[in-house]
Protein backbone atom coordinates (compact mmCIF):
# COMPACT_ATOMS: atom_id res chain seq x y z
CA MET A 1 144.78 301.79 297.17
CA GLY A 2 144.83 298.87 294.69
CA LYS A 3 145.70 295.30 295.62
CA GLN A 4 148.92 295.48 293.62
CA ALA A 5 150.12 298.59 295.47
CA MET A 6 149.19 297.04 298.82
CA GLY A 7 151.11 293.90 297.91
CA LYS A 8 154.18 295.93 297.00
CA GLN A 9 153.95 297.85 300.25
CA ALA A 10 153.98 294.53 302.08
CA MET A 11 157.07 293.53 300.10
CA GLY A 12 158.68 296.78 301.15
CA LYS A 13 158.13 296.00 304.83
CA GLN A 14 159.58 292.51 304.39
CA ALA A 15 162.63 293.86 302.58
CA MET A 16 163.21 296.48 305.26
CA GLY A 17 163.18 293.77 307.88
CA SER A 18 165.80 291.80 305.95
CA GLN A 19 168.43 294.51 305.58
CA GLY A 20 172.01 293.97 306.56
CA ALA A 21 173.22 295.05 309.96
CA ASP A 22 174.81 298.19 308.56
CA GLY A 23 171.46 299.28 307.08
CA SER A 24 173.03 300.59 303.89
CA LEU A 25 173.32 297.82 301.30
CA PRO A 26 170.81 295.20 300.19
CA THR A 27 171.51 291.65 301.31
CA ALA A 28 171.09 288.53 299.23
CA THR A 29 168.34 287.32 301.58
CA THR A 30 166.43 290.54 300.98
CA ILE A 31 166.85 290.28 297.22
CA VAL A 32 165.81 286.62 297.04
CA ALA A 33 162.68 287.35 299.10
CA PHE A 34 161.90 290.38 296.94
CA HIS A 35 162.21 288.36 293.73
CA GLN A 36 159.88 285.68 295.09
CA ASP A 37 157.34 288.24 296.30
CA CYS A 38 157.26 289.90 292.89
CA LEU A 39 156.50 286.59 291.19
CA ALA A 40 153.68 285.93 293.68
CA LEU A 41 151.91 289.22 292.84
CA PRO A 42 148.80 288.78 290.66
CA GLY A 43 149.34 290.49 287.32
CA TRP A 44 153.08 291.02 287.78
CA PRO A 45 155.09 291.74 285.66
CA GLN A 46 152.60 292.50 282.90
CA GLN A 47 150.70 295.18 284.83
CA ALA A 48 153.94 296.86 285.92
CA ALA A 49 155.14 296.86 282.31
CA GLU A 50 151.90 298.53 281.24
CA GLY A 51 152.51 301.51 283.50
CA GLY A 52 151.55 300.41 286.99
CA GLY A 53 153.94 303.00 288.36
CA ALA A 54 156.46 302.89 291.18
CA ALA A 55 154.02 303.40 294.07
CA GLY A 56 154.48 300.84 296.80
CA ARG A 57 157.65 299.27 295.46
CA ALA A 58 159.81 297.48 297.99
CA THR A 59 162.43 300.13 298.58
CA PRO A 60 164.18 299.90 301.97
CA ALA A 61 164.66 303.46 303.14
CA ALA A 62 168.31 303.01 304.10
CA ALA A 63 169.36 301.26 300.88
CA PRO A 64 171.40 303.22 298.33
CA ALA A 65 169.14 305.72 296.58
CA GLY A 66 167.33 304.19 293.63
CA VAL A 67 168.95 300.76 293.74
CA TRP A 68 165.72 298.88 294.52
CA GLN A 69 163.99 300.56 291.59
CA TRP A 70 166.58 299.01 289.28
CA ILE A 71 166.61 295.63 291.04
CA GLU A 72 162.87 295.53 290.42
CA ALA A 73 163.29 296.69 286.80
CA ASN A 74 165.91 294.01 286.14
CA HIS A 75 163.63 291.32 287.59
CA ARG A 76 160.63 292.63 285.68
CA PHE A 77 162.45 292.55 282.35
CA ASN A 78 163.87 289.10 283.08
CA SER A 79 160.32 287.90 283.80
CA LEU A 80 158.94 289.42 280.60
CA LEU A 81 161.88 287.94 278.69
CA TRP A 82 161.18 284.50 280.17
CA ALA A 83 157.56 284.64 278.97
CA GLU A 84 158.60 285.70 275.47
CA GLU A 85 161.14 282.87 275.26
CA ASP A 86 158.30 280.41 275.94
CA LEU A 87 156.09 282.04 273.30
CA ALA A 88 158.88 282.09 270.71
CA ARG A 89 159.01 278.29 270.82
CA ARG A 90 155.42 277.79 269.66
CA THR A 91 155.07 275.65 266.54
CA ARG A 92 151.44 276.28 265.54
CA VAL A 93 151.44 280.02 264.99
CA SER A 94 152.53 282.20 262.10
CA ASP A 95 156.12 283.24 261.47
CA ALA A 96 154.97 286.84 261.98
CA GLU A 97 153.94 286.07 265.57
CA ILE A 98 157.31 284.44 266.29
CA ALA A 99 159.06 287.48 264.78
CA VAL A 100 157.19 289.69 267.26
CA ASN A 101 158.37 287.44 270.11
CA LYS A 102 161.97 287.60 268.88
CA ARG A 103 161.90 291.40 268.72
CA ASN A 104 160.42 291.54 272.21
CA ILE A 105 163.20 289.23 273.42
CA ASP A 106 165.82 291.64 272.04
CA ARG A 107 164.05 294.61 273.62
CA TYR A 108 163.65 293.04 277.05
CA ASN A 109 167.20 291.66 277.04
CA GLN A 110 168.59 295.13 276.33
CA ALA A 111 166.46 296.64 279.12
CA ARG A 112 167.52 293.88 281.53
CA ASN A 113 171.19 294.57 280.81
CA ASP A 114 170.69 298.32 281.17
CA ALA A 115 169.09 297.77 284.59
CA THR A 116 171.97 295.50 285.66
CA GLU A 117 174.48 298.20 284.79
CA ARG A 118 172.45 300.78 286.71
CA VAL A 119 172.45 298.54 289.80
CA ASP A 120 176.25 298.34 289.58
CA GLU A 121 176.58 302.11 289.19
CA LEU A 122 174.50 302.83 292.29
CA LEU A 123 176.11 300.14 294.46
CA LEU A 124 179.61 301.28 293.51
CA VAL A 125 178.78 304.92 294.25
CA ALA A 126 177.37 303.88 297.64
CA LEU A 127 180.53 301.85 298.33
CA GLY A 128 182.78 304.72 297.25
CA LEU A 129 184.42 302.50 294.63
CA VAL A 130 183.73 304.64 291.57
CA ASP A 131 184.01 308.31 290.78
CA ALA A 132 180.36 309.41 291.01
CA ALA A 133 180.66 311.93 288.19
CA SER A 134 181.83 309.23 285.76
CA ALA A 135 179.68 306.35 287.00
CA ALA A 136 176.96 306.68 284.37
CA GLY A 137 179.35 307.25 281.44
CA ASP A 138 180.98 304.83 279.04
CA ALA A 139 184.21 304.75 281.08
CA PRO A 140 183.48 304.85 284.83
CA ARG A 141 186.62 305.57 286.87
CA SER A 142 187.18 303.05 289.67
CA THR A 143 188.51 304.21 293.04
CA PRO A 144 189.44 301.00 294.90
CA ALA A 145 191.48 300.74 298.07
CA ALA A 146 195.14 299.93 297.64
CA GLY A 147 195.65 296.18 297.38
CA ALA A 148 191.97 295.39 296.83
CA ARG A 149 191.37 292.44 294.50
CA LEU A 150 189.31 292.90 291.36
CA ASN A 151 186.26 290.63 291.18
CA SER A 152 185.53 289.79 287.56
CA GLU A 153 181.79 289.34 288.19
CA THR A 154 179.89 292.40 289.35
CA ALA A 155 177.29 292.57 292.12
CA GLY A 156 174.74 293.65 289.52
CA SER A 157 175.38 290.57 287.39
CA MET A 158 175.00 288.37 290.49
CA ILE A 159 171.67 290.05 291.25
CA ASP A 160 170.66 289.47 287.63
CA ARG A 161 171.54 285.79 288.01
CA LEU A 162 169.53 285.62 291.26
CA SER A 163 166.56 286.99 289.33
CA ILE A 164 166.90 284.25 286.73
CA MET A 165 167.29 281.65 289.47
CA ALA A 166 164.06 282.94 291.05
CA LEU A 167 162.29 282.35 287.74
CA LYS A 168 163.73 278.84 287.45
CA VAL A 169 162.76 277.97 291.03
CA HIS A 170 159.26 279.36 290.51
CA ALA A 171 158.74 277.45 287.25
CA MET A 172 160.14 274.20 288.63
CA ARG A 173 157.97 274.44 291.75
CA LEU A 174 154.93 274.69 289.50
CA GLN A 175 156.07 271.46 287.81
CA THR A 176 155.99 269.70 291.19
CA GLN A 177 152.34 270.74 291.60
CA ARG A 178 151.03 269.57 288.21
CA THR A 179 148.12 267.13 288.22
CA ASP A 180 148.25 266.34 284.48
CA VAL A 181 151.54 264.40 284.72
CA ASP A 182 152.62 261.24 286.48
CA GLU A 183 154.36 261.01 289.83
CA ALA A 184 157.71 260.28 288.15
CA HIS A 185 157.58 263.74 286.51
CA ARG A 186 156.74 265.41 289.81
CA GLN A 187 159.47 263.50 291.64
CA ALA A 188 162.07 264.45 289.02
CA SER A 189 160.90 268.06 289.27
CA ARG A 190 161.27 268.01 293.07
CA ALA A 191 164.86 266.81 292.71
CA LYS A 192 165.60 269.57 290.19
CA LEU A 193 163.93 272.14 292.45
CA GLU A 194 166.15 271.13 295.36
CA ARG A 195 169.25 271.49 293.17
CA LEU A 196 168.14 274.91 291.89
CA GLN A 197 167.56 276.16 295.43
CA ALA A 198 171.01 274.96 296.48
CA GLN A 199 172.57 276.74 293.50
CA ARG A 200 170.72 279.93 294.38
CA ASP A 201 171.91 279.68 297.99
CA ASP A 202 175.51 279.36 296.77
CA LEU A 203 175.15 282.42 294.56
CA ALA A 204 173.50 284.42 297.34
CA GLY A 205 176.39 283.66 299.65
CA CYS A 206 178.88 284.80 297.02
CA LEU A 207 177.01 288.10 296.58
CA ASP A 208 177.00 288.80 300.31
CA GLN A 209 180.71 287.99 300.50
CA LEU A 210 181.55 290.30 297.61
CA LEU A 211 179.62 293.22 299.09
CA ALA A 212 181.16 292.61 302.53
CA ASP A 213 184.66 292.50 301.05
CA ALA A 214 183.97 295.62 298.99
CA GLN A 215 182.80 297.50 302.06
CA ALA A 216 185.91 296.41 303.94
CA GLY A 217 188.25 297.51 301.13
CA ARG A 218 189.35 293.97 300.32
CA ALA A 219 187.67 293.73 296.92
CA TYR A 220 186.05 295.81 294.24
CA PHE A 221 184.19 295.37 290.98
CA LYS A 222 183.59 297.66 288.04
CA VAL A 223 180.73 298.81 285.87
CA TYR A 224 181.13 296.71 282.75
CA ARG A 225 179.31 298.09 279.71
CA GLN A 226 177.75 295.45 277.49
CA PHE A 227 177.69 297.59 274.31
CA LYS A 228 175.09 295.38 272.62
CA MET A 229 176.09 296.32 269.08
CA TYR A 230 173.41 294.27 267.34
CA ASN A 231 170.70 296.45 268.93
CA ASP A 232 172.33 299.72 267.84
CA PRO A 233 171.75 300.75 264.19
CA ARG A 234 174.98 302.75 264.32
CA PHE A 235 177.05 299.62 264.97
CA ASN A 236 175.07 296.71 263.51
CA PRO A 237 176.53 296.38 259.96
CA VAL A 238 173.32 294.93 258.55
CA LEU A 239 171.16 297.75 259.93
CA ALA A 240 173.74 300.33 258.81
CA ALA A 241 173.66 298.87 255.29
CA GLU A 242 169.86 298.97 255.27
CA ALA A 243 169.88 302.62 256.34
CA ALA A 244 172.47 303.48 253.69
CA ALA A 245 170.46 301.73 250.96
CA GLN A 246 167.30 303.51 252.04
CA ALA A 247 169.08 306.87 252.01
CA ALA A 248 170.52 306.18 248.55
CA ALA A 249 167.05 305.35 247.26
CA GLY A 250 165.75 308.63 248.61
CA GLY A 251 163.55 306.92 251.17
């Protein structure tokens, strides 16, 4: 067994130990720990993106089927997106290289959003708050309890935000450890790190509260489709015009 698979198995054990008391839904504590463990893995997310496979992923056995696969996918694409955003800001490379970065950003952002929607689908099915047959379609049919309040932000979008917060915390912590800057930079970075961790704690608490309220019938959320039109040649007017011009030219 490779080191990466062994590391992911260890993450799985940690996640299983952090499940909620009901043993059915992921908790914010579990998700935050999982995000951090992923970022600590050597070669992650690049090796996973190159086909490392799903073996050894942290997938608590009692969690809704498949949800951890998509939590990991969302975090992986956010991490790849983060790296491309850094690369796209280089000033001493060719425009062609930056164009590659920009296209990768579009691709990873679409995949990250797709994974977020999949997390929502699976959580809502597990909670009994969506018609399972319609959950994966363009118009999922909600089945909330009478009197339940609608939460405008979904659990999936909160998990997506926790992933981004994990990246910010990780990057800021590295700033506190730099030896090529002065102490003022490290001190300012420590203050920012403390604020980021507090913000993540607030968000984690809100996620747990939403899931608890949803389980109790007090609240619900919906699967909100992003419909990223600029990535779809059927809906992007510029791409549609290009395709029409190519067809007219016999190409």
